[in-house]
């Protein structure tokens, strides 16, 4: 009989988190952008100035998925929100309700912490995820676009 659990990530999960993020990068065809290491996750999850949190999906004690999140803030609501940076379940473990369990747990955390909203982004070509999120009651916001600056462009902007 298979056992399943959602757990709060610990230092012992750092290598699994990095491996799952790498699998996500491959799935999203963005592996060339991934430069993060287990040390990065260790520092940002468990260091003195930790900025992220993570929950793990475990099947028979083995990491099969994760959700990495942090707080943001809505000036319009005057309250913090919960932002889901990444959610991933190994392809061979999909269809078992693990992604739903991760999303539900995050919604519970948002409610427990009195967050004004719970939000995340999805790639426009990722129709299976879009369908899943909409089936869970999420709304895709058509009028918003992600704006980003990194690397040289970030340094150039900072130097202006």
C-alpha atoms as a PDB file:
ATOM      1  CA  UNK A   1       0.000   0.000   0.000  1.00  0.00           C
ATOM      2  CA  UNK A   2       1.327   3.416  -1.001  1.00  0.00           C
ATOM      3  CA  UNK A   3       1.600   6.132   1.633  1.00  0.00           C
ATOM      4  CA  UNK A   4       1.448   9.823   0.795  1.00  0.00           C
ATOM      5  CA  UNK A   5       2.235  12.850   2.929  1.00  0.00           C
ATOM      6  CA  UNK A   6       2.698  16.590   2.607  1.00  0.00           C
ATOM      7  CA  UNK A   7       5.585  17.682   4.830  1.00  0.00           C
ATOM      8  CA  UNK A   8       7.343  20.942   5.567  1.00  0.00           C
ATOM      9  CA  UNK A   9      10.756  20.865   3.911  1.00  0.00           C
ATOM     10  CA  UNK A  10      13.774  20.320   6.145  1.00  0.00           C
ATOM     11  CA  UNK A  11      17.488  20.609   5.507  1.00  0.00           C
ATOM     12  CA  UNK A  12      17.433  16.908   4.634  1.00  0.00           C
ATOM     13  CA  UNK A  13      15.199  17.756   1.641  1.00  0.00           C
ATOM     14  CA  UNK A  14      17.521  20.302   0.018  1.00  0.00           C
ATOM     15  CA  UNK A  15      19.069  17.915  -2.531  1.00  0.00           C
ATOM     16  CA  UNK A  16      15.618  16.585  -3.445  1.00  0.00           C
ATOM     17  CA  UNK A  17      14.329  20.144  -3.881  1.00  0.00           C
ATOM     18  CA  UNK A  18      17.201  21.008  -6.220  1.00  0.00           C
ATOM     19  CA  UNK A  19      16.640  17.793  -8.212  1.00  0.00           C
ATOM     20  CA  UNK A  20      12.904  18.476  -8.511  1.00  0.00           C
ATOM     21  CA  UNK A  21      13.560  22.073  -9.583  1.00  0.00           C
ATOM     22  CA  UNK A  22      15.907  20.727 -12.259  1.00  0.00           C
ATOM     23  CA  UNK A  23      13.144  18.368 -13.470  1.00  0.00           C
ATOM     24  CA  UNK A  24      10.754  21.330 -13.553  1.00  0.00           C
ATOM     25  CA  UNK A  25      13.266  23.349 -15.585  1.00  0.00           C
ATOM     26  CA  UNK A  26      13.516  20.510 -18.118  1.00  0.00           C
ATOM     27  CA  UNK A  27       9.701  20.233 -18.290  1.00  0.00           C
ATOM     28  CA  UNK A  28       9.390  23.984 -18.881  1.00  0.00           C
ATOM     29  CA  UNK A  29      12.196  23.894 -21.460  1.00  0.00           C
ATOM     30  CA  UNK A  30      14.172  26.342 -19.303  1.00  0.00           C
ATOM     31  CA  UNK A  31      16.994  24.131 -18.051  1.00  0.00           C
ATOM     32  CA  UNK A  32      19.526  26.494 -19.641  1.00  0.00           C
ATOM     33  CA  UNK A  33      18.434  29.166 -17.132  1.00  0.00           C
ATOM     34  CA  UNK A  34      18.865  27.034 -14.033  1.00  0.00           C
ATOM     35  CA  UNK A  35      21.981  27.914 -12.092  1.00  0.00           C
ATOM     36  CA  UNK A  36      20.681  27.329  -8.544  1.00  0.00           C
ATOM     37  CA  UNK A  37      22.444  24.810  -6.332  1.00  0.00           C
ATOM     38  CA  UNK A  38      21.554  22.887  -3.177  1.00  0.00           C
ATOM     39  CA  UNK A  39      23.579  25.494  -1.257  1.00  0.00           C
ATOM     40  CA  UNK A  40      21.327  28.247  -2.628  1.00  0.00           C
ATOM     41  CA  UNK A  41      18.222  26.430  -1.435  1.00  0.00           C
ATOM     42  CA  UNK A  42      19.801  25.672   1.933  1.00  0.00           C
ATOM     43  CA  UNK A  43      20.667  29.356   2.447  1.00  0.00           C
ATOM     44  CA  UNK A  44      17.330  30.767   1.277  1.00  0.00           C
ATOM     45  CA  UNK A  45      15.177  28.163   3.081  1.00  0.00           C
ATOM     46  CA  UNK A  46      17.099  27.742   6.330  1.00  0.00           C
ATOM     47  CA  UNK A  47      19.659  30.542   6.627  1.00  0.00           C
ATOM     48  CA  UNK A  48      19.392  33.463   9.057  1.00  0.00           C
ATOM     49  CA  UNK A  49      17.627  35.606   6.433  1.00  0.00           C
ATOM     50  CA  UNK A  50      15.454  32.875   4.893  1.00  0.00           C
ATOM     51  CA  UNK A  51      13.047  34.286   2.324  1.00  0.00           C
ATOM     52  CA  UNK A  52      11.273  31.202   0.994  1.00  0.00           C
ATOM     53  CA  UNK A  53       9.368  28.229   2.326  1.00  0.00           C
ATOM     54  CA  UNK A  54       8.732  24.820   0.826  1.00  0.00           C
ATOM     55  CA  UNK A  55       6.405  21.891   1.285  1.00  0.00           C
ATOM     56  CA  UNK A  56       7.164  18.438  -0.041  1.00  0.00           C
ATOM     57  CA  UNK A  57       4.961  15.728  -1.510  1.00  0.00           C
ATOM     58  CA  UNK A  58       6.295  12.337  -0.424  1.00  0.00           C
ATOM     59  CA  UNK A  59       5.220   8.929  -1.600  1.00  0.00           C
ATOM     60  CA  UNK A  60       6.459   6.098   0.588  1.00  0.00           C
ATOM     61  CA  UNK A  61       8.939   8.579   2.071  1.00  0.00           C
ATOM     62  CA  UNK A  62      10.383   9.515  -1.352  1.00  0.00           C
ATOM     63  CA  UNK A  63      10.158  13.123  -2.605  1.00  0.00           C
ATOM     64  CA  UNK A  64       7.854  13.179  -5.635  1.00  0.00           C
ATOM     65  CA  UNK A  65       6.839  16.834  -5.661  1.00  0.00           C
ATOM     66  CA  UNK A  66       7.249  20.208  -4.031  1.00  0.00           C
ATOM     67  CA  UNK A  67       5.775  23.671  -3.764  1.00  0.00           C
ATOM     68  CA  UNK A  68       8.071  26.612  -3.058  1.00  0.00           C
ATOM     69  CA  UNK A  69       6.448  29.842  -1.883  1.00  0.00           C
ATOM     70  CA  UNK A  70       6.939  33.178  -0.132  1.00  0.00           C
ATOM     71  CA  UNK A  71       4.951  36.177   1.040  1.00  0.00           C
ATOM     72  CA  UNK A  72       4.281  39.226  -1.069  1.00  0.00           C
ATOM     73  CA  UNK A  73       2.101  42.226  -0.293  1.00  0.00           C
ATOM     74  CA  UNK A  74      -0.981  43.796  -1.850  1.00  0.00           C
ATOM     75  CA  UNK A  75      -1.154  47.563  -1.412  1.00  0.00           C
ATOM     76  CA  UNK A  76      -4.794  47.484  -2.538  1.00  0.00           C
ATOM     77  CA  UNK A  77      -5.767  44.906   0.098  1.00  0.00           C
ATOM     78  CA  UNK A  78      -3.369  46.214   2.731  1.00  0.00           C
ATOM     79  CA  UNK A  79      -2.389  42.630   3.550  1.00  0.00           C
ATOM     80  CA  UNK A  80       0.282  40.173   2.676  1.00  0.00           C
ATOM     81  CA  UNK A  81      -0.369  37.440   0.175  1.00  0.00           C
ATOM     82  CA  UNK A  82       1.085  34.045  -0.527  1.00  0.00           C
ATOM     83  CA  UNK A  83       2.978  33.673  -3.803  1.00  0.00           C
ATOM     84  CA  UNK A  84       3.609  30.224  -5.229  1.00  0.00           C
ATOM     85  CA  UNK A  85       6.912  30.346  -7.091  1.00  0.00           C
ATOM     86  CA  UNK A  86       6.907  26.728  -8.273  1.00  0.00           C
ATOM     87  CA  UNK A  87       4.789  23.626  -7.938  1.00  0.00           C
ATOM     88  CA  UNK A  88       5.961  20.381  -9.500  1.00  0.00           C
ATOM     89  CA  UNK A  89       5.022  16.704  -9.314  1.00  0.00           C
ATOM     90  CA  UNK A  90       7.132  14.075 -11.030  1.00  0.00           C
ATOM     91  CA  UNK A  91       5.438  13.005 -14.284  1.00  0.00           C
ATOM     92  CA  UNK A  92       5.153   9.369 -13.193  1.00  0.00           C
ATOM     93  CA  UNK A  93       3.290  10.479 -10.052  1.00  0.00           C
ATOM     94  CA  UNK A  94       0.753  12.763 -11.710  1.00  0.00           C
ATOM     95  CA  UNK A  95      -2.917  11.887 -11.653  1.00  0.00           C
ATOM     96  CA  UNK A  96      -2.764  10.699  -8.035  1.00  0.00           C
ATOM     97  CA  UNK A  97      -3.967  13.964  -6.473  1.00  0.00           C
ATOM     98  CA  UNK A  98      -0.543  15.082  -5.252  1.00  0.00           C
ATOM     99  CA  UNK A  99      -0.608  18.425  -7.078  1.00  0.00           C
ATOM    100  CA  UNK A 100      -4.084  19.091  -5.725  1.00  0.00           C
ATOM    101  CA  UNK A 101      -2.923  18.204  -2.207  1.00  0.00           C
ATOM    102  CA  UNK A 102      -0.001  20.654  -2.487  1.00  0.00           C
ATOM    103  CA  UNK A 103      -2.253  23.432  -3.790  1.00  0.00           C
ATOM    104  CA  UNK A 104      -4.874  22.813  -1.095  1.00  0.00           C
ATOM    105  CA  UNK A 105      -2.206  22.868   1.627  1.00  0.00           C
ATOM    106  CA  UNK A 106      -0.906  26.194   0.326  1.00  0.00           C
ATOM    107  CA  UNK A 107      -4.438  27.622   0.309  1.00  0.00           C
ATOM    108  CA  UNK A 108      -4.788  26.459   3.922  1.00  0.00           C
ATOM    109  CA  UNK A 109      -1.517  28.179   4.841  1.00  0.00           C
ATOM    110  CA  UNK A 110      -2.736  31.384   3.159  1.00  0.00           C
ATOM    111  CA  UNK A 111      -5.982  31.263   5.138  1.00  0.00           C
ATOM    112  CA  UNK A 112      -4.187  30.395   8.408  1.00  0.00           C
ATOM    113  CA  UNK A 113      -1.897  33.397   7.914  1.00  0.00           C
ATOM    114  CA  UNK A 114      -4.764  35.736   7.025  1.00  0.00           C
ATOM    115  CA  UNK A 115      -3.378  36.395   3.554  1.00  0.00           C
ATOM    116  CA  UNK A 116      -5.454  38.578   1.265  1.00  0.00           C
ATOM    117  CA  UNK A 117      -4.735  36.380  -1.739  1.00  0.00           C
ATOM    118  CA  UNK A 118      -2.865  33.381  -3.049  1.00  0.00           C
ATOM    119  CA  UNK A 119      -1.386  33.736  -6.512  1.00  0.00           C
ATOM    120  CA  UNK A 120       1.098  32.331  -8.983  1.00  0.00           C
ATOM    121  CA  UNK A 121       1.890  32.420 -12.692  1.00  0.00           C
ATOM    122  CA  UNK A 122       1.708  29.756 -15.376  1.00  0.00           C
ATOM    123  CA  UNK A 123       3.347  29.541 -18.784  1.00  0.00           C
ATOM    124  CA  UNK A 124       0.831  30.315 -21.533  1.00  0.00           C
ATOM    125  CA  UNK A 125       1.628  27.083 -23.423  1.00  0.00           C
ATOM    126  CA  UNK A 126       1.153  24.865 -20.363  1.00  0.00           C
ATOM    127  CA  UNK A 127      -2.489  23.972 -21.013  1.00  0.00           C
ATOM    128  CA  UNK A 128      -2.530  20.928 -18.681  1.00  0.00           C
ATOM    129  CA  UNK A 129      -1.539  23.189 -15.765  1.00  0.00           C
ATOM    130  CA  UNK A 130      -3.940  25.941 -16.831  1.00  0.00           C
ATOM    131  CA  UNK A 131      -6.779  23.405 -16.970  1.00  0.00           C
ATOM    132  CA  UNK A 132      -5.768  21.998 -13.566  1.00  0.00           C
ATOM    133  CA  UNK A 133      -5.634  25.441 -11.927  1.00  0.00           C
ATOM    134  CA  UNK A 134      -8.975  26.484 -13.400  1.00  0.00           C
ATOM    135  CA  UNK A 135     -10.549  23.213 -12.241  1.00  0.00           C
ATOM    136  CA  UNK A 136      -9.317  24.075  -8.743  1.00  0.00           C
ATOM    137  CA  UNK A 137     -11.143  27.421  -8.910  1.00  0.00           C
ATOM    138  CA  UNK A 138      -8.237  29.694  -9.869  1.00  0.00           C
ATOM    139  CA  UNK A 139      -8.726  32.504 -12.380  1.00  0.00           C
ATOM    140  CA  UNK A 140      -6.176  33.223 -15.095  1.00  0.00           C
ATOM    141  CA  UNK A 141      -5.702  37.005 -15.258  1.00  0.00           C
ATOM    142  CA  UNK A 142      -5.618  37.964 -18.958  1.00  0.00           C
ATOM    143  CA  UNK A 143      -4.557  41.573 -18.555  1.00  0.00           C
ATOM    144  CA  UNK A 144      -1.344  41.118 -16.586  1.00  0.00           C
ATOM    145  CA  UNK A 145       2.161  40.404 -17.887  1.00  0.00           C
ATOM    146  CA  UNK A 146       5.254  39.535 -15.896  1.00  0.00           C
ATOM    147  CA  UNK A 147       7.938  42.211 -16.070  1.00  0.00           C
ATOM    148  CA  UNK A 148      11.501  41.141 -15.327  1.00  0.00           C
ATOM    149  CA  UNK A 149      15.046  42.374 -15.477  1.00  0.00           C
ATOM    150  CA  UNK A 150      18.077  40.180 -14.738  1.00  0.00           C
ATOM    151  CA  UNK A 151      21.816  40.002 -15.281  1.00  0.00           C
ATOM    152  CA  UNK A 152      23.295  42.820 -17.356  1.00  0.00           C
ATOM    153  CA  UNK A 153      19.976  44.615 -17.785  1.00  0.00           C
ATOM    154  CA  UNK A 154      19.440  44.607 -14.017  1.00  0.00           C
ATOM    155  CA  UNK A 155      22.922  45.999 -13.451  1.00  0.00           C
ATOM    156  CA  UNK A 156      22.358  48.663 -16.132  1.00  0.00           C
ATOM    157  CA  UNK A 157      19.062  49.704 -14.571  1.00  0.00           C
ATOM    158  CA  UNK A 158      20.645  49.890 -11.128  1.00  0.00           C
ATOM    159  CA  UNK A 159      23.433  52.078 -12.512  1.00  0.00           C
ATOM    160  CA  UNK A 160      21.083  54.735 -13.980  1.00  0.00           C
END
